[in-house]
Structure formats: structure tokens, C-alpha cells
Amino acid sequence: MSEPDRAGLLASAKALCNAFANKATTDELLSHFSTTHQIFAAEHGEPFLAPFIGRPFVGRDGPKSVPAYFSLLQKYLKYEKMTFGEWVVDTEARKVCTKGAATFTWIEGGSEGETWEEDFAYMLDFDHEGKVTDYQVWADSGAAYLAQRGELNAKRKEFEASQK
């Protein structure tokens, strides 16, 4: 089988990102991942900031698997107006990077309802069939942490007052 070309990698990356933006189920998201290679997901940052940050999620089964990562996101966050753009494709490395943006809301626990606008970056690695093997995210882990604690809105107001 031939290697995926630029158009194939870009189409595969856009398909996963569109599924995510359209709030696909975990099973639908997993359909974009390799079945011939070990799969991996990570959202970079300090692990104490949120249950889905700073931990490797590996494979398809178990409490630290890729499906578990997506389940944690669904448990703790909701999002609106998710968009992706600025695609960078490296055919030799079989990687695609993109910038995303969305409005996130923390929905679990006593601090429900704290919302923030966020830009984030994805780096996706692909197998020889154009399926995702590695899914990495760099995002605003500080906003998620403050929202989880119910402190984001107060910090935002404090900052805005200091800018007057």
C-alpha cells in the first residue's frame, strides 16, 4: 500500500477535526484512529490541572486509554463554535498540525458554567493507511483549571478591573 499523500493526510485530519467539532461520539472519533498501530492521546500540561491533562492515554481499552480520554472530555467540558484552520502537513513524517478555536464551558462539579474562549493546537500522527496513531493537544490548561475551581470568572473580572 502506498503512503498517504498530502491531500490524503489533510483529508484524514480534517475528517477527525470535523467529527470532533460536530460533537461526535467516542466510537465515531475512534473510527479515525489506526487499528494496526498502538494509539495515543495526550493533552499537554500539568496533571493536577484537570483529569484529562498531562497524562498519556494509550490503546483502546482500560482507564488510561484513548476512549477514556474522550470520555473525560465529555464528562468535564462542553464546547461550542469549534473551528480549525492553518493546516500544516508533513508527508515524510506523516504529521498534520492545525490551530483550533472554540468556546469551552466546565460542566462537572460545583463550578459548572464557567466559560472561556480558547485557541489550541493539534498535532496528529498517521499510519500508512492515513489513520491517526498519535493525537496531541496544546491548550489553555490554566483556564480549565480555574473554571474547574470556580475561579475563572472572578479572575477575569479582577484582571479587567486592573486594566482600567
C-alpha atoms as a PDB file:
ATOM      1  CA  MET A   1       0.000   0.000   0.000  1.00  0.00           C
ATOM      2  CA  SER A   2       1.322   3.448  -0.864  1.00  0.00           C
ATOM      3  CA  GLU A   3       1.951   6.167   1.666  1.00  0.00           C
ATOM      4  CA  PRO A   4      -0.814   8.746   2.112  1.00  0.00           C
ATOM      5  CA  ASP A   5      -0.084  11.897   0.108  1.00  0.00           C
ATOM      6  CA  ARG A   6      -0.596  15.473   1.281  1.00  0.00           C
ATOM      7  CA  ALA A   7      -4.231  15.533   0.168  1.00  0.00           C
ATOM      8  CA  GLY A   8      -4.924  12.208   1.897  1.00  0.00           C
ATOM      9  CA  LEU A   9      -3.333  13.269   5.181  1.00  0.00           C
ATOM     10  CA  LEU A  10      -5.143  16.590   5.107  1.00  0.00           C
ATOM     11  CA  ALA A  11      -8.472  14.884   4.390  1.00  0.00           C
ATOM     12  CA  SER A  12      -7.926  12.434   7.256  1.00  0.00           C
ATOM     13  CA  ALA A  13      -7.015  15.241   9.679  1.00  0.00           C
ATOM     14  CA  LYS A  14      -9.987  17.359   8.618  1.00  0.00           C
ATOM     15  CA  ALA A  15     -12.329  14.380   8.974  1.00  0.00           C
ATOM     16  CA  LEU A  16     -11.253  13.824  12.604  1.00  0.00           C
ATOM     17  CA  CYS A  17     -11.380  17.533  13.430  1.00  0.00           C
ATOM     18  CA  ASN A  18     -14.811  17.928  11.807  1.00  0.00           C
ATOM     19  CA  ALA A  19     -16.089  14.931  13.766  1.00  0.00           C
ATOM     20  CA  PHE A  20     -14.774  16.475  16.974  1.00  0.00           C
ATOM     21  CA  ALA A  21     -16.239  19.904  16.131  1.00  0.00           C
ATOM     22  CA  ASN A  22     -19.598  18.239  15.443  1.00  0.00           C
ATOM     23  CA  LYS A  23     -19.532  16.534  18.857  1.00  0.00           C
ATOM     24  CA  ALA A  24     -19.184  13.007  17.515  1.00  0.00           C
ATOM     25  CA  THR A  25     -19.483  10.043  19.822  1.00  0.00           C
ATOM     26  CA  THR A  26     -16.351   8.390  21.162  1.00  0.00           C
ATOM     27  CA  ASP A  27     -16.908   5.461  18.792  1.00  0.00           C
ATOM     28  CA  GLU A  28     -17.115   7.798  15.817  1.00  0.00           C
ATOM     29  CA  LEU A  29     -13.938   9.605  16.894  1.00  0.00           C
ATOM     30  CA  LEU A  30     -12.167   6.259  17.313  1.00  0.00           C
ATOM     31  CA  SER A  31     -13.116   5.290  13.749  1.00  0.00           C
ATOM     32  CA  HIS A  32     -10.499   7.850  12.626  1.00  0.00           C
ATOM     33  CA  PHE A  33      -7.753   6.085  14.622  1.00  0.00           C
ATOM     34  CA  SER A  34      -5.467   3.285  13.495  1.00  0.00           C
ATOM     35  CA  THR A  35      -6.403  -0.324  14.115  1.00  0.00           C
ATOM     36  CA  THR A  36      -2.944  -1.556  13.070  1.00  0.00           C
ATOM     37  CA  HIS A  37      -0.809   0.590  15.401  1.00  0.00           C
ATOM     38  CA  GLN A  38      -0.853   1.476  19.101  1.00  0.00           C
ATOM     39  CA  ILE A  39      -2.891   4.671  19.512  1.00  0.00           C
ATOM     40  CA  PHE A  40      -2.061   7.524  21.854  1.00  0.00           C
ATOM     41  CA  ALA A  41      -3.694  10.760  23.061  1.00  0.00           C
ATOM     42  CA  ALA A  42      -2.276  13.475  25.287  1.00  0.00           C
ATOM     43  CA  GLU A  43      -3.272  16.979  26.247  1.00  0.00           C
ATOM     44  CA  HIS A  44      -0.101  18.655  27.423  1.00  0.00           C
ATOM     45  CA  GLY A  45       0.133  20.411  30.778  1.00  0.00           C
ATOM     46  CA  GLU A  46       0.390  19.737  34.484  1.00  0.00           C
ATOM     47  CA  PRO A  47      -1.642  16.661  35.539  1.00  0.00           C
ATOM     48  CA  PHE A  48      -3.114  18.377  38.608  1.00  0.00           C
ATOM     49  CA  LEU A  49      -4.882  20.959  36.421  1.00  0.00           C
ATOM     50  CA  ALA A  50      -7.663  18.659  35.152  1.00  0.00           C
ATOM     51  CA  PRO A  51      -8.289  14.892  34.905  1.00  0.00           C
ATOM     52  CA  PHE A  52      -7.579  14.814  31.155  1.00  0.00           C
ATOM     53  CA  ILE A  53      -4.415  16.970  31.143  1.00  0.00           C
ATOM     54  CA  GLY A  54      -0.805  15.855  31.462  1.00  0.00           C
ATOM     55  CA  ARG A  55      -1.400  12.113  31.239  1.00  0.00           C
ATOM     56  CA  PRO A  56      -0.733   9.676  28.426  1.00  0.00           C
ATOM     57  CA  PHE A  57      -3.801   7.778  27.200  1.00  0.00           C
ATOM     58  CA  VAL A  58      -2.730   4.667  25.310  1.00  0.00           C
ATOM     59  CA  GLY A  59      -4.605   1.961  23.426  1.00  0.00           C
ATOM     60  CA  ARG A  60      -8.287   1.215  23.054  1.00  0.00           C
ATOM     61  CA  ASP A  61      -9.044  -0.445  26.402  1.00  0.00           C
ATOM     62  CA  GLY A  62      -8.768   0.477  30.044  1.00  0.00           C
ATOM     63  CA  PRO A  63      -8.955   3.506  32.318  1.00  0.00           C
ATOM     64  CA  LYS A  64      -5.949   5.198  30.652  1.00  0.00           C
ATOM     65  CA  SER A  65      -6.971   4.502  27.054  1.00  0.00           C
ATOM     66  CA  VAL A  66      -7.779   6.896  24.222  1.00  0.00           C
ATOM     67  CA  PRO A  67     -11.539   6.244  24.658  1.00  0.00           C
ATOM     68  CA  ALA A  68     -11.140   7.117  28.354  1.00  0.00           C
ATOM     69  CA  TYR A  69      -9.573  10.459  27.351  1.00  0.00           C
ATOM     70  CA  PHE A  70     -12.528  11.319  25.113  1.00  0.00           C
ATOM     71  CA  SER A  71     -14.960  10.224  27.847  1.00  0.00           C
ATOM     72  CA  LEU A  72     -13.245  12.549  30.335  1.00  0.00           C
ATOM     73  CA  LEU A  73     -13.560  15.458  27.921  1.00  0.00           C
ATOM     74  CA  GLN A  74     -17.280  14.742  27.537  1.00  0.00           C
ATOM     75  CA  LYS A  75     -17.708  14.478  31.305  1.00  0.00           C
ATOM     76  CA  TYR A  76     -15.987  17.756  32.184  1.00  0.00           C
ATOM     77  CA  LEU A  77     -16.353  20.043  29.162  1.00  0.00           C
ATOM     78  CA  LYS A  78     -18.831  21.190  26.605  1.00  0.00           C
ATOM     79  CA  TYR A  79     -17.860  23.335  23.663  1.00  0.00           C
ATOM     80  CA  GLU A  80     -19.442  25.497  21.012  1.00  0.00           C
ATOM     81  CA  LYS A  81     -18.321  27.140  17.773  1.00  0.00           C
ATOM     82  CA  MET A  82     -15.279  24.877  17.298  1.00  0.00           C
ATOM     83  CA  THR A  83     -13.308  25.685  14.170  1.00  0.00           C
ATOM     84  CA  PHE A  84      -9.984  24.569  12.705  1.00  0.00           C
ATOM     85  CA  GLY A  85      -7.593  26.217  10.269  1.00  0.00           C
ATOM     86  CA  GLU A  86      -3.955  26.937   9.413  1.00  0.00           C
ATOM     87  CA  TRP A  87      -3.164  23.368   8.399  1.00  0.00           C
ATOM     88  CA  VAL A  88       0.466  22.222   8.156  1.00  0.00           C
ATOM     89  CA  VAL A  89       1.097  18.841   6.518  1.00  0.00           C
ATOM     90  CA  ASP A  90       4.399  16.926   6.646  1.00  0.00           C
ATOM     91  CA  THR A  91       4.116  13.944   4.310  1.00  0.00           C
ATOM     92  CA  GLU A  92       7.527  12.499   5.193  1.00  0.00           C
ATOM     93  CA  ALA A  93       6.726  12.370   8.913  1.00  0.00           C
ATOM     94  CA  ARG A  94       3.014  11.662   8.255  1.00  0.00           C
ATOM     95  CA  LYS A  95       2.001  14.509  10.585  1.00  0.00           C
ATOM     96  CA  VAL A  96      -0.626  17.234  10.394  1.00  0.00           C
ATOM     97  CA  CYS A  97      -0.777  20.235  12.705  1.00  0.00           C
ATOM     98  CA  THR A  98      -3.667  22.625  12.960  1.00  0.00           C
ATOM     99  CA  LYS A  99      -4.894  25.507  15.051  1.00  0.00           C
ATOM    100  CA  GLY A 100      -8.365  25.332  16.545  1.00  0.00           C
ATOM    101  CA  ALA A 101     -10.652  27.655  18.460  1.00  0.00           C
ATOM    102  CA  ALA A 102     -13.806  27.144  20.494  1.00  0.00           C
ATOM    103  CA  THR A 103     -15.830  28.355  23.432  1.00  0.00           C
ATOM    104  CA  PHE A 104     -15.469  25.898  26.318  1.00  0.00           C
ATOM    105  CA  THR A 105     -17.592  25.506  29.447  1.00  0.00           C
ATOM    106  CA  TRP A 106     -16.700  23.468  32.518  1.00  0.00           C
ATOM    107  CA  ILE A 107     -19.754  21.303  33.268  1.00  0.00           C
ATOM    108  CA  GLU A 108     -18.829  18.936  36.088  1.00  0.00           C
ATOM    109  CA  GLY A 109     -18.818  19.604  39.804  1.00  0.00           C
ATOM    110  CA  GLY A 110     -19.560  22.689  41.846  1.00  0.00           C
ATOM    111  CA  SER A 111     -18.032  25.141  39.373  1.00  0.00           C
ATOM    112  CA  GLU A 112     -20.351  24.423  36.469  1.00  0.00           C
ATOM    113  CA  GLY A 113     -20.914  27.128  33.934  1.00  0.00           C
ATOM    114  CA  GLU A 114     -17.554  28.884  33.782  1.00  0.00           C
ATOM    115  CA  THR A 115     -16.895  29.593  30.098  1.00  0.00           C
ATOM    116  CA  TRP A 116     -13.835  30.741  28.150  1.00  0.00           C
ATOM    117  CA  GLU A 117     -12.697  31.357  24.594  1.00  0.00           C
ATOM    118  CA  GLU A 118      -9.685  29.276  23.686  1.00  0.00           C
ATOM    119  CA  ASP A 119      -7.220  28.752  20.875  1.00  0.00           C
ATOM    120  CA  PHE A 120      -5.485  25.381  20.831  1.00  0.00           C
ATOM    121  CA  ALA A 121      -3.206  23.322  18.610  1.00  0.00           C
ATOM    122  CA  TYR A 122      -3.410  19.705  17.473  1.00  0.00           C
ATOM    123  CA  MET A 123      -0.552  17.570  16.208  1.00  0.00           C
ATOM    124  CA  LEU A 124      -1.743  14.360  14.592  1.00  0.00           C
ATOM    125  CA  ASP A 125       0.464  11.451  13.503  1.00  0.00           C
ATOM    126  CA  PHE A 126      -0.816   8.941  10.943  1.00  0.00           C
ATOM    127  CA  ASP A 127      -0.141   5.352   9.979  1.00  0.00           C
ATOM    128  CA  HIS A 128       0.452   4.142   6.394  1.00  0.00           C
ATOM    129  CA  GLU A 129      -3.324   3.993   5.830  1.00  0.00           C
ATOM    130  CA  GLY A 130      -3.943   7.604   6.833  1.00  0.00           C
ATOM    131  CA  LYS A 131      -5.425   6.750  10.242  1.00  0.00           C
ATOM    132  CA  VAL A 132      -4.434   8.644  13.407  1.00  0.00           C
ATOM    133  CA  THR A 133      -1.882   6.989  15.693  1.00  0.00           C
ATOM    134  CA  ASP A 134      -0.975   9.923  17.957  1.00  0.00           C
ATOM    135  CA  TYR A 135      -3.285  12.787  18.950  1.00  0.00           C
ATOM    136  CA  GLN A 136      -1.643  15.611  20.883  1.00  0.00           C
ATOM    137  CA  VAL A 137      -3.226  18.842  22.104  1.00  0.00           C
ATOM    138  CA  TRP A 138      -1.749  22.051  23.445  1.00  0.00           C
ATOM    139  CA  ALA A 139      -4.466  24.183  25.037  1.00  0.00           C
ATOM    140  CA  ASP A 140      -5.222  26.706  27.771  1.00  0.00           C
ATOM    141  CA  SER A 141      -4.892  24.396  30.749  1.00  0.00           C
ATOM    142  CA  GLY A 142      -4.927  27.380  33.130  1.00  0.00           C
ATOM    143  CA  ALA A 143      -8.440  28.375  32.079  1.00  0.00           C
ATOM    144  CA  ALA A 144      -9.651  24.791  32.522  1.00  0.00           C
ATOM    145  CA  TYR A 145      -8.079  24.661  35.978  1.00  0.00           C
ATOM    146  CA  LEU A 146      -9.623  27.952  37.109  1.00  0.00           C
ATOM    147  CA  ALA A 147     -13.012  27.005  35.652  1.00  0.00           C
ATOM    148  CA  GLN A 148     -12.889  23.664  37.475  1.00  0.00           C
ATOM    149  CA  ARG A 149     -12.277  25.513  40.745  1.00  0.00           C
ATOM    150  CA  GLY A 150     -14.989  28.092  40.043  1.00  0.00           C
ATOM    151  CA  GLU A 151     -12.412  30.907  39.963  1.00  0.00           C
ATOM    152  CA  LEU A 152     -12.196  31.795  36.269  1.00  0.00           C
ATOM    153  CA  ASN A 153     -14.918  34.462  36.167  1.00  0.00           C
ATOM    154  CA  ALA A 154     -13.609  36.158  39.325  1.00  0.00           C
ATOM    155  CA  LYS A 155     -10.030  36.184  37.971  1.00  0.00           C
ATOM    156  CA  ARG A 156     -11.277  37.570  34.660  1.00  0.00           C
ATOM    157  CA  LYS A 157     -13.160  40.403  36.439  1.00  0.00           C
ATOM    158  CA  GLU A 158     -10.129  41.114  38.628  1.00  0.00           C
ATOM    159  CA  PHE A 159      -7.901  41.345  35.548  1.00  0.00           C
ATOM    160  CA  GLU A 160     -10.345  43.570  33.652  1.00  0.00           C
ATOM    161  CA  ALA A 161     -10.590  45.924  36.645  1.00  0.00           C
ATOM    162  CA  SER A 162      -6.802  46.150  36.808  1.00  0.00           C
ATOM    163  CA  GLN A 163      -6.682  47.227  33.149  1.00  0.00           C
ATOM    164  CA  LYS A 164      -8.866  50.319  33.672  1.00  0.00           C
END
